[in-house]
Each structure stands twice: as structure tokens, then as C-alpha cells.
PDB file of N, CA and C in Angstrom:
ATOM      1  N   MET A   1      22.738  22.058 120.148  1.00  0.00           N
ATOM      2  CA  MET A   1      24.011  23.048 120.195  1.00  0.00           C
ATOM      3  C   MET A   1      24.309  22.826 121.838  1.00  0.00           C
ATOM      4  N   ASN A   2      25.352  23.586 122.385  1.00  0.00           N
ATOM      5  CA  ASN A   2      25.550  23.314 123.847  1.00  0.00           C
ATOM      6  C   ASN A   2      25.887  25.163 124.590  1.00  0.00           C
ATOM      7  N   ASP A   3      27.134  25.847 123.798  1.00  0.00           N
ATOM      8  CA  ASP A   3      26.615  27.501 124.487  1.00  0.00           C
ATOM      9  C   ASP A   3      27.453  27.554 123.241  1.00  0.00           C
ATOM     10  N   PHE A   4      26.200  29.034 122.823  1.00  0.00           N
ATOM     11  CA  PHE A   4      26.795  30.016 121.001  1.00  0.00           C
ATOM     12  C   PHE A   4      28.039  30.568 121.979  1.00  0.00           C
ATOM     13  N   ARG A   5      28.621  30.543 123.054  1.00  0.00           N
ATOM     14  CA  ARG A   5      29.367  31.731 123.416  1.00  0.00           C
ATOM     15  C   ARG A   5      30.412  31.121 123.292  1.00  0.00           C
ATOM     16  N   ASN A   6      31.104  29.980 123.197  1.00  0.00           N
ATOM     17  CA  ASN A   6      31.898  29.170 122.537  1.00  0.00           C
ATOM     18  C   ASN A   6      32.497  29.479 121.106  1.00  0.00           C
ATOM     19  N   LEU A   7      31.396  29.983 120.542  1.00  0.00           N
ATOM     20  CA  LEU A   7      31.460  29.935 118.591  1.00  0.00           C
ATOM     21  C   LEU A   7      32.144  30.709 118.954  1.00  0.00           C
ATOM     22  N   PRO A   8      33.202  31.353 117.035  1.00  0.00           N
ATOM     23  CA  PRO A   8      33.853  32.980 117.211  1.00  0.00           C
ATOM     24  C   PRO A   8      33.000  33.639 116.391  1.00  0.00           C
ATOM     25  N   TYR A   9      33.183  35.009 116.878  1.00  0.00           N
ATOM     26  CA  TYR A   9      32.028  36.053 116.777  1.00  0.00           C
ATOM     27  C   TYR A   9      32.907  37.423 116.253  1.00  0.00           C
ATOM     28  N   ARG A  10      32.690  37.850 116.150  1.00  0.00           N
ATOM     29  CA  ARG A  10      33.212  39.485 114.878  1.00  0.00           C
ATOM     30  C   ARG A  10      32.573  40.405 116.096  1.00  0.00           C
ATOM     31  N   GLU A  11      33.500  41.171 116.502  1.00  0.00           N
ATOM     32  CA  GLU A  11      32.894  42.264 117.119  1.00  0.00           C
ATOM     33  C   GLU A  11      32.324  43.708 116.004  1.00  0.00           C
ATOM     34  N   ILE A  12      31.126  44.056 116.232  1.00  0.00           N
ATOM     35  CA  ILE A  12      30.505  45.046 115.681  1.00  0.00           C
ATOM     36  C   ILE A  12      29.465  46.186 115.973  1.00  0.00           C
ATOM     37  N   LEU A  13      30.136  46.882 116.179  1.00  0.00           N
ATOM     38  CA  LEU A  13      29.645  48.540 116.709  1.00  0.00           C
ATOM     39  C   LEU A  13      29.489  48.168 118.693  1.00  0.00           C
ATOM     40  N   GLY A  14      30.850  47.942 118.644  1.00  0.00           N
ATOM     41  CA  GLY A  14      30.993  48.271 119.604  1.00  0.00           C
ATOM     42  C   GLY A  14      30.743  46.516 121.290  1.00  0.00           C
ATOM     43  N   GLY A  15      30.426  46.108 120.270  1.00  0.00           N
ATOM     44  CA  GLY A  15      29.936  44.646 120.955  1.00  0.00           C
ATOM     45  C   GLY A  15      29.970  43.501 120.029  1.00  0.00           C
ATOM     46  N   VAL A  16      29.400  42.523 119.817  1.00  0.00           N
ATOM     47  CA  VAL A  16      29.296  41.227 119.450  1.00  0.00           C
ATOM     48  C   VAL A  16      28.517  40.289 118.143  1.00  0.00           C
ATOM     49  N   LYS A  17      28.813  40.274 117.608  1.00  0.00           N
ATOM     50  CA  LYS A  17      27.883  39.248 116.596  1.00  0.00           C
ATOM     51  C   LYS A  17      28.239  37.775 116.497  1.00  0.00           C
ATOM     52  N   TYR A  18      27.776  37.038 116.593  1.00  0.00           N
ATOM     53  CA  TYR A  18      27.794  35.610 115.964  1.00  0.00           C
ATOM     54  C   TYR A  18      27.056  34.922 114.694  1.00  0.00           C
ATOM     55  N   LEU A  19      27.247  34.303 114.064  1.00  0.00           N
ATOM     56  CA  LEU A  19      26.835  33.845 112.724  1.00  0.00           C
ATOM     57  C   LEU A  19      26.481  32.520 113.080  1.00  0.00           C
ATOM     58  N   ILE A  20      25.550  31.788 112.686  1.00  0.00           N
ATOM     59  CA  ILE A  20      25.425  30.491 112.926  1.00  0.00           C
ATOM     60  C   ILE A  20      23.991  29.679 111.420  1.00  0.00           C
ATOM     61  N   SER A  21      24.793  28.343 110.757  1.00  0.00           N
ATOM     62  CA  SER A  21      24.223  27.970 109.970  1.00  0.00           C
ATOM     63  C   SER A  21      23.737  26.784 110.285  1.00  0.00           C
ATOM     64  N   PHE A  22      23.195  26.601 110.033  1.00  0.00           N
ATOM     65  CA  PHE A  22      22.261  24.942 110.529  1.00  0.00           C
ATOM     66  C   PHE A  22      22.365  24.543 109.399  1.00  0.00           C
ATOM     67  N   GLU A  23      22.197  22.876 109.351  1.00  0.00           N
ATOM     68  CA  GLU A  23      22.349  21.841 108.406  1.00  0.00           C
ATOM     69  C   GLU A  23      20.628  21.730 107.765  1.00  0.00           C
ATOM     70  N   ASN A  24      19.533  22.510 108.303  1.00  0.00           N
ATOM     71  CA  ASN A  24      18.033  22.624 107.636  1.00  0.00           C
ATOM     72  C   ASN A  24      18.143  24.097 107.128  1.00  0.00           C
ATOM     73  N   GLY A  25      19.194  24.606 106.927  1.00  0.00           N
ATOM     74  CA  GLY A  25      18.740  25.763 105.723  1.00  0.00           C
ATOM     75  C   GLY A  25      18.683  27.076 106.746  1.00  0.00           C
ATOM     76  N   TYR A  26      18.659  26.553 108.128  1.00  0.00           N
ATOM     77  CA  TYR A  26      18.299  28.187 108.808  1.00  0.00           C
ATOM     78  C   TYR A  26      19.603  28.880 109.150  1.00  0.00           C
ATOM     79  N   CYS A  27      19.392  30.280 109.995  1.00  0.00           N
ATOM     80  CA  CYS A  27      20.645  30.872 110.026  1.00  0.00           C
ATOM     81  C   CYS A  27      20.128  31.797 110.831  1.00  0.00           C
ATOM     82  N   VAL A  28      21.095  31.884 112.051  1.00  0.00           N
ATOM     83  CA  VAL A  28      21.048  33.118 113.177  1.00  0.00           C
ATOM     84  C   VAL A  28      21.950  33.684 113.195  1.00  0.00           C
ATOM     85  N   SER A  29      21.613  35.328 113.288  1.00  0.00           N
ATOM     86  CA  SER A  29      22.633  35.975 113.945  1.00  0.00           C
ATOM     87  C   SER A  29      22.694  36.580 115.141  1.00  0.00           C
ATOM     88  N   ILE A  30      23.507  36.503 116.198  1.00  0.00           N
ATOM     89  CA  ILE A  30      22.616  36.605 117.082  1.00  0.00           C
ATOM     90  C   ILE A  30      24.522  37.981 117.516  1.00  0.00           C
ATOM     91  N   ILE A  31      23.358  38.586 118.546  1.00  0.00           N
ATOM     92  CA  ILE A  31      24.083  40.343 118.339  1.00  0.00           C
ATOM     93  C   ILE A  31      23.575  40.662 119.858  1.00  0.00           C
ATOM     94  N   ARG A  32      24.684  41.728 120.292  1.00  0.00           N
ATOM     95  CA  ARG A  32      24.740  42.485 121.571  1.00  0.00           C
ATOM     96  C   ARG A  32      25.765  43.681 121.469  1.00  0.00           C
ATOM     97  N   HIS A  33      25.188  44.707 121.492  1.00  0.00           N
ATOM     98  CA  HIS A  33      25.987  46.237 121.451  1.00  0.00           C
ATOM     99  C   HIS A  33      24.901  47.307 121.729  1.00  0.00           C
ATOM    100  N   HIS A  34      24.773  48.517 121.751  1.00  0.00           N
ATOM    101  CA  HIS A  34      24.628  49.516 121.860  1.00  0.00           C
ATOM    102  C   HIS A  34      22.933  49.951 121.443  1.00  0.00           C
ATOM    103  N   PHE A  35      23.012  49.031 120.494  1.00  0.00           N
ATOM    104  CA  PHE A  35      21.590  49.349 119.242  1.00  0.00           C
ATOM    105  C   PHE A  35      20.935  48.199 119.482  1.00  0.00           C
ATOM    106  N   SER A  36      21.222  47.291 119.411  1.00  0.00           N
ATOM    107  CA  SER A  36      20.425  45.974 119.536  1.00  0.00           C
ATOM    108  C   SER A  36      19.574  45.734 120.160  1.00  0.00           C
ATOM    109  N   TYR A  37      18.417  45.447 120.301  1.00  0.00           N
ATOM    110  CA  TYR A  37      17.027  45.225 121.270  1.00  0.00           C
ATOM    111  C   TYR A  37      17.672  44.385 122.683  1.00  0.00           C
ATOM    112  N   GLY A  38      17.755  45.261 123.820  1.00  0.00           N
ATOM    113  CA  GLY A  38      18.073  44.543 125.077  1.00  0.00           C
ATOM    114  C   GLY A  38      19.425  44.838 124.781  1.00  0.00           C
ATOM    115  N   GLY A  39      20.535  45.020 124.652  1.00  0.00           N
ATOM    116  CA  GLY A  39      22.086  45.276 124.183  1.00  0.00           C
ATOM    117  C   GLY A  39      22.256  46.116 125.377  1.00  0.00           C
ATOM    118  N   THR A  40      21.537  47.096 125.585  1.00  0.00           N
ATOM    119  CA  THR A  40      22.192  48.361 126.687  1.00  0.00           C
ATOM    120  C   THR A  40      21.950  47.104 127.802  1.00  0.00           C
ATOM    121  N   ASP A  41      21.268  46.123 128.078  1.00  0.00           N
ATOM    122  CA  ASP A  41      20.987  45.952 129.409  1.00  0.00           C
ATOM    123  C   ASP A  41      21.795  44.441 129.620  1.00  0.00           C
ATOM    124  N   GLY A  42      22.319  44.084 128.488  1.00  0.00           N
ATOM    125  CA  GLY A  42      23.324  43.159 128.665  1.00  0.00           C
ATOM    126  C   GLY A  42      22.135  41.771 128.065  1.00  0.00           C
ATOM    127  N   LEU A  43      21.374  41.970 127.250  1.00  0.00           N
ATOM    128  CA  LEU A  43      20.734  40.961 126.790  1.00  0.00           C
ATOM    129  C   LEU A  43      20.718  41.018 125.163  1.00  0.00           C
ATOM    130  N   TRP A  44      20.706  39.867 124.449  1.00  0.00           N
ATOM    131  CA  TRP A  44      20.688  39.024 123.827  1.00  0.00           C
ATOM    132  C   TRP A  44      19.101  39.878 122.183  1.00  0.00           C
ATOM    133  N   GLU A  45      19.901  39.984 121.080  1.00  0.00           N
ATOM    134  CA  GLU A  45      18.709  39.787 119.829  1.00  0.00           C
ATOM    135  C   GLU A  45      19.474  38.876 119.119  1.00  0.00           C
ATOM    136  N   ILE A  46      17.870  38.255 118.512  1.00  0.00           N
ATOM    137  CA  ILE A  46      18.773  36.993 117.471  1.00  0.00           C
ATOM    138  C   ILE A  46      17.599  37.545 116.411  1.00  0.00           C
ATOM    139  N   LEU A  47      18.352  37.288 115.033  1.00  0.00           N
ATOM    140  CA  LEU A  47      17.555  37.728 113.426  1.00  0.00           C
ATOM    141  C   LEU A  47      17.968  35.864 113.100  1.00  0.00           C
ATOM    142  N   LEU A  48      16.405  35.357 112.617  1.00  0.00           N
ATOM    143  CA  LEU A  48      16.680  34.654 111.977  1.00  0.00           C
ATOM    144  C   LEU A  48      16.492  34.247 110.599  1.00  0.00           C
ATOM    145  N   TYR A  49      16.757  33.928 110.068  1.00  0.00           N
ATOM    146  CA  TYR A  49      16.943  34.170 108.188  1.00  0.00           C
ATOM    147  C   TYR A  49      16.649  32.537 108.040  1.00  0.00           C
ATOM    148  N   LYS A  50      15.907  32.426 106.693  1.00  0.00           N
ATOM    149  CA  LYS A  50      16.225  31.085 106.020  1.00  0.00           C
ATOM    150  C   LYS A  50      15.857  31.154 104.513  1.00  0.00           C
ATOM    151  N   LYS A  51      16.762  30.861 103.821  1.00  0.00           N
ATOM    152  CA  LYS A  51      17.282  30.755 102.333  1.00  0.00           C
ATOM    153  C   LYS A  51      17.729  33.004 102.251  1.00  0.00           C
ATOM    154  N   GLY A  52      18.328  32.820 103.126  1.00  0.00           N
ATOM    155  CA  GLY A  52      18.883  34.237 102.964  1.00  0.00           C
ATOM    156  C   GLY A  52      17.782  35.419 103.224  1.00  0.00           C
ATOM    157  N   ILE A  53      16.751  35.042 103.999  1.00  0.00           N
ATOM    158  CA  ILE A  53      15.211  36.219 103.961  1.00  0.00           C
ATOM    159  C   ILE A  53      15.048  35.997 105.142  1.00  0.00           C
ATOM    160  N   GLN A  54      15.064  37.360 105.782  1.00  0.00           N
ATOM    161  CA  GLN A  54      15.259  37.409 107.689  1.00  0.00           C
ATOM    162  C   GLN A  54      13.774  37.120 107.546  1.00  0.00           C
ATOM    163  N   LEU A  55      13.440  36.519 108.512  1.00  0.00           N
ATOM    164  CA  LEU A  55      11.865  35.989 108.997  1.00  0.00           C
ATOM    165  C   LEU A  55      11.539  37.223 110.076  1.00  0.00           C
ATOM    166  N   ASP A  56      12.617  37.265 111.407  1.00  0.00           N
ATOM    167  CA  ASP A  56      12.015  37.830 112.204  1.00  0.00           C
ATOM    168  C   ASP A  56      13.231  38.136 113.131  1.00  0.00           C
ATOM    169  N   THR A  57      13.000  39.167 113.970  1.00  0.00           N
ATOM    170  CA  THR A  57      14.108  39.699 115.013  1.00  0.00           C
ATOM    171  C   THR A  57      13.489  39.121 116.409  1.00  0.00           C
ATOM    172  N   ILE A  58      14.266  38.387 117.626  1.00  0.00           N
ATOM    173  CA  ILE A  58      13.621  38.629 118.751  1.00  0.00           C
ATOM    174  C   ILE A  58      14.641  39.159 119.549  1.00  0.00           C
ATOM    175  N   GLY A  59      14.536  39.940 120.617  1.00  0.00           N
ATOM    176  CA  GLY A  59      14.992  40.732 121.308  1.00  0.00           C
ATOM    177  C   GLY A  59      15.246  40.619 122.916  1.00  0.00           C
ATOM    178  N   HIS A  60      15.704  41.207 123.756  1.00  0.00           N
ATOM    179  CA  HIS A  60      16.323  41.283 125.253  1.00  0.00           C
ATOM    180  C   HIS A  60      16.044  39.697 125.821  1.00  0.00           C
ATOM    181  N   LEU A  61      16.531  38.867 124.831  1.00  0.00           N
ATOM    182  CA  LEU A  61      16.873  37.255 125.778  1.00  0.00           C
ATOM    183  C   LEU A  61      18.193  37.272 126.489  1.00  0.00           C
ATOM    184  N   THR A  62      17.621  36.511 127.181  1.00  0.00           N
ATOM    185  CA  THR A  62      19.084  36.084 128.046  1.00  0.00           C
ATOM    186  C   THR A  62      19.820  34.564 127.047  1.00  0.00           C
ATOM    187  N   GLU A  63      20.927  34.582 127.700  1.00  0.00           N
ATOM    188  CA  GLU A  63      21.672  33.211 126.806  1.00  0.00           C
ATOM    189  C   GLU A  63      21.242  32.408 126.981  1.00  0.00           C
ATOM    190  N   ASP A  64      20.462  32.038 128.563  1.00  0.00           N
ATOM    191  CA  ASP A  64      20.011  30.713 128.424  1.00  0.00           C
ATOM    192  C   ASP A  64      19.097  30.418 127.444  1.00  0.00           C
ATOM    193  N   LYS A  65      17.970  31.665 127.344  1.00  0.00           N
ATOM    194  CA  LYS A  65      16.902  31.921 126.923  1.00  0.00           C
ATOM    195  C   LYS A  65      17.676  31.220 124.736  1.00  0.00           C
ATOM    196  N   VAL A  66      18.642  32.287 124.364  1.00  0.00           N
ATOM    197  CA  VAL A  66      19.399  32.223 123.235  1.00  0.00           C
ATOM    198  C   VAL A  66      19.838  30.628 122.670  1.00  0.00           C
ATOM    199  N   ASN A  67      20.435  29.989 123.593  1.00  0.00           N
ATOM    200  CA  ASN A  67      20.419  28.783 123.536  1.00  0.00           C
ATOM    201  C   ASN A  67      19.257  27.982 123.603  1.00  0.00           C
ATOM    202  N   ARG A  68      18.540  27.910 123.893  1.00  0.00           N
ATOM    203  CA  ARG A  68      16.708  27.027 123.982  1.00  0.00           C
ATOM    204  C   ARG A  68      16.690  27.279 122.629  1.00  0.00           C
ATOM    205  N   ILE A  69      16.290  28.272 121.941  1.00  0.00           N
ATOM    206  CA  ILE A  69      16.255  28.943 120.912  1.00  0.00           C
ATOM    207  C   ILE A  69      16.742  28.285 119.880  1.00  0.00           C
ATOM    208  N   LEU A  70      18.221  28.046 119.603  1.00  0.00           N
ATOM    209  CA  LEU A  70      19.323  27.711 119.167  1.00  0.00           C
ATOM    210  C   LEU A  70      18.172  25.663 118.921  1.00  0.00           C
ATOM    211  N   ASP A  71      18.553  26.043 120.410  1.00  0.00           N
ATOM    212  CA  ASP A  71      18.218  24.260 120.144  1.00  0.00           C
ATOM    213  C   ASP A  71      17.196  23.964 119.641  1.00  0.00           C
ATOM    214  N   ILE A  72      16.111  24.691 119.462  1.00  0.00           N
ATOM    215  CA  ILE A  72      14.584  24.447 118.742  1.00  0.00           C
ATOM    216  C   ILE A  72      15.389  24.549 117.431  1.00  0.00           C
ATOM    217  N   ILE A  73      15.803  25.561 116.803  1.00  0.00           N
ATOM    218  CA  ILE A  73      16.361  25.512 115.694  1.00  0.00           C
ATOM    219  C   ILE A  73      16.871  24.620 114.877  1.00  0.00           C
ATOM    220  N   GLU A  74      17.641  24.186 115.794  1.00  0.00           N
ATOM    221  CA  GLU A  74      18.916  23.071 115.223  1.00  0.00           C
ATOM    222  C   GLU A  74      17.653  21.972 114.816  1.00  0.00           C
ATOM    223  N   SER A  75      16.960  21.635 115.807  1.00  0.00           N
ATOM    224  CA  SER A  75      16.011  20.277 115.675  1.00  0.00           C
ATOM    225  C   SER A  75      15.141  20.195 114.623  1.00  0.00           C
ATOM    226  N   ILE A  76      14.706  20.984 114.128  1.00  0.00           N
ATOM    227  CA  ILE A  76      13.897  21.205 112.850  1.00  0.00           C
ATOM    228  C   ILE A  76      14.247  20.443 112.081  1.00  0.00           C
ATOM    229  N   ASN A  77      13.562  19.517 111.412  1.00  0.00           N
ATOM    230  CA  ASN A  77      14.011  19.113 110.101  1.00  0.00           C
ATOM    231  C   ASN A  77      13.647  17.751 109.612  1.00  0.00           C
ATOM    232  N   MET A  78      13.297  18.417 108.213  1.00  0.00           N
ATOM    233  CA  MET A  78      12.210  17.638 107.319  1.00  0.00           C
ATOM    234  C   MET A  78      12.397  15.706 107.826  1.00  0.00           C
ATOM    235  N   ASN A  79      13.529  15.331 107.941  1.00  0.00           N
ATOM    236  CA  ASN A  79      13.928  13.958 108.043  1.00  0.00           C
ATOM    237  C   ASN A  79      13.119  13.799 109.526  1.00  0.00           C
ATOM    238  N   SER A  80      12.748  14.220 110.844  1.00  0.00           N
ATOM    239  CA  SER A  80      12.779  13.864 112.033  1.00  0.00           C
ATOM    240  C   SER A  80      11.484  13.005 111.975  1.00  0.00           C
ATOM    241  N   GLU A  81      11.934  12.299 113.124  1.00  0.00           N
ATOM    242  CA  GLU A  81      10.600  11.117 113.611  1.00  0.00           C
ATOM    243  C   GLU A  81       9.974  11.889 114.284  1.00  0.00           C
ATOM    244  N   ASP A  82      10.147  13.159 114.591  1.00  0.00           N
ATOM    245  CA  ASP A  82       9.487  13.702 115.985  1.00  0.00           C
ATOM    246  C   ASP A  82       8.136  13.742 115.505  1.00  0.00           C
ATOM    247  N   GLU A  83       7.020  13.872 115.837  1.00  0.00           N
ATOM    248  CA  GLU A  83       5.548  14.963 115.484  1.00  0.00           C
ATOM    249  C   GLU A  83       5.330  15.944 115.523  1.00  0.00           C
ATOM    250  N   ILE A  84       6.325  16.644 116.967  1.00  0.00           N
ATOM    251  CA  ILE A  84       6.085  17.754 116.759  1.00  0.00           C
ATOM    252  C   ILE A  84       7.053  18.804 115.672  1.00  0.00           C
ATOM    253  N   MET A  85       8.067  18.220 115.529  1.00  0.00           N
ATOM    254  CA  MET A  85       9.191  18.466 114.597  1.00  0.00           C
ATOM    255  C   MET A  85       8.547  18.172 112.660  1.00  0.00           C
ATOM    256  N   LYS A  86       7.791  16.864 112.428  1.00  0.00           N
ATOM    257  CA  LYS A  86       7.190  17.174 111.356  1.00  0.00           C
ATOM    258  C   LYS A  86       6.458  18.064 111.279  1.00  0.00           C
ATOM    259  N   GLU A  87       5.671  18.482 112.268  1.00  0.00           N
ATOM    260  CA  GLU A  87       4.092  19.553 111.906  1.00  0.00           C
ATOM    261  C   GLU A  87       4.533  20.553 111.972  1.00  0.00           C
ATOM    262  N   LEU A  88       5.958  21.170 112.233  1.00  0.00           N
ATOM    263  CA  LEU A  88       6.746  22.284 112.017  1.00  0.00           C
ATOM    264  C   LEU A  88       7.369  22.808 110.670  1.00  0.00           C
ATOM    265  N   ASP A  89       7.804  21.603 110.524  1.00  0.00           N
ATOM    266  CA  ASP A  89       8.172  21.018 108.754  1.00  0.00           C
ATOM    267  C   ASP A  89       7.038  21.993 107.865  1.00  0.00           C
ATOM    268  N   SER A  90       5.917  21.500 108.219  1.00  0.00           N
ATOM    269  CA  SER A  90       4.768  21.848 107.407  1.00  0.00           C
ATOM    270  C   SER A  90       4.598  23.463 107.309  1.00  0.00           C
ATOM    271  N   TYR A  91       4.966  23.840 108.673  1.00  0.00           N
ATOM    272  CA  TYR A  91       4.511  25.291 108.494  1.00  0.00           C
ATOM    273  C   TYR A  91       5.300  26.118 107.655  1.00  0.00           C
ATOM    274  N   ASP A  92       4.776  27.477 107.368  1.00  0.00           N
ATOM    275  CA  ASP A  92       5.876  28.795 107.112  1.00  0.00           C
ATOM    276  C   ASP A  92       6.542  28.916 107.737  1.00  0.00           C
ATOM    277  N   PRO A  93       7.827  29.486 107.681  1.00  0.00           N
ATOM    278  CA  PRO A  93       8.684  29.757 108.275  1.00  0.00           C
ATOM    279  C   PRO A  93       8.394  30.881 109.421  1.00  0.00           C
ATOM    280  N   PHE A  94       7.152  31.807 108.970  1.00  0.00           N
ATOM    281  CA  PHE A  94       7.066  32.679 109.820  1.00  0.00           C
ATOM    282  C   PHE A  94       6.224  32.451 111.191  1.00  0.00           C
ATOM    283  N   GLU A  95       5.351  30.778 110.736  1.00  0.00           N
ATOM    284  CA  GLU A  95       4.519  30.616 111.828  1.00  0.00           C
ATOM    285  C   GLU A  95       5.815  29.907 112.867  1.00  0.00           C
ATOM    286  N   ILE A  96       6.734  29.446 112.480  1.00  0.00           N
ATOM    287  CA  ILE A  96       7.995  28.270 113.383  1.00  0.00           C
ATOM    288  C   ILE A  96       8.294  30.277 114.539  1.00  0.00           C
ATOM    289  N   VAL A  97       8.708  30.959 113.840  1.00  0.00           N
ATOM    290  CA  VAL A  97       9.169  32.259 114.603  1.00  0.00           C
ATOM    291  C   VAL A  97       8.238  32.290 115.453  1.00  0.00           C
ATOM    292  N   GLU A  98       6.509  32.344 115.219  1.00  0.00           N
ATOM    293  CA  GLU A  98       5.769  32.943 116.382  1.00  0.00           C
ATOM    294  C   GLU A  98       5.616  31.454 117.189  1.00  0.00           C
ATOM    295  N   TYR A  99       5.874  30.434 117.119  1.00  0.00           N
ATOM    296  CA  TYR A  99       6.159  28.993 117.879  1.00  0.00           C
ATOM    297  C   TYR A  99       7.309  29.289 118.645  1.00  0.00           C
ATOM    298  N   ILE A 100       8.225  29.711 118.018  1.00  0.00           N
ATOM    299  CA  ILE A 100       9.660  30.100 119.179  1.00  0.00           C
ATOM    300  C   ILE A 100       9.239  31.085 120.199  1.00  0.00           C
ATOM    301  N   GLU A 101       8.760  32.259 119.676  1.00  0.00           N
ATOM    302  CA  GLU A 101       8.188  33.210 120.785  1.00  0.00           C
ATOM    303  C   GLU A 101       7.431  33.123 121.648  1.00  0.00           C
ATOM    304  N   ILE A 102       6.743  32.006 121.337  1.00  0.00           N
ATOM    305  CA  ILE A 102       5.460  30.839 122.596  1.00  0.00           C
ATOM    306  C   ILE A 102       6.154  30.388 123.380  1.00  0.00           C
ATOM    307  N   ILE A 103       7.031  29.687 123.426  1.00  0.00           N
ATOM    308  CA  ILE A 103       7.693  28.867 124.348  1.00  0.00           C
ATOM    309  C   ILE A 103       8.858  29.554 124.999  1.00  0.00           C
ATOM    310  N   ILE A 104       8.831  30.576 124.581  1.00  0.00           N
ATOM    311  CA  ILE A 104      10.523  31.227 125.414  1.00  0.00           C
ATOM    312  C   ILE A 104       9.830  32.165 126.361  1.00  0.00           C
TER     313      ILE A 104
END
């Protein structure tokens, strides 16, 4: 994924919201408004979902960090040949969120 800012968005609570669905079943909501974590500082918040269940919220993110997280989520694929991704696919989705938080 190049840059989430190039995707369609909708206005919400005086700010913006992007919603991205990936082929691997993960969905991400990216928001920035006065009530989001970091929104008043111009930073972004993401909510990670899988099968309609919210897994976690990560806030106070720069655009670069959001794009890095999207690349990681997009690369999680059960058919991936990459050993790290194979290992991540066997994890509980909550462990994936913890992994993302560690590397950013």
C-alpha cells in the first residue's frame, strides 16, 4: 500500500475516517479528529479488526507509521513463503497487534 491519504475517506466528528479491508480478512479504520488518540496533535489513530471483532486501537501515529502498519497488515498472508509471516499467521490476532506495536 502506498499512502492511505490517497484513498477515499469520509468526514466524521470534524475530522476524517478511512476504512480499509484487506484480502487476508483484516480491516483497519484510520481516524483523526478531536476525540481520537493524538487527533488534537495532528496524529492518527487506527483500529484493527478481524472478522468484525475489534482487536486493538493504536493511537498517536504519524502518517509514516500508519503506512508501515498497513504494509505489515497487508503482508500477513496464510500462503506467504516468508517464515516470519508464516509464524505470525499461527498467532492469535491479539499477538499480531502486540508485534505491530513493538516494531513501530
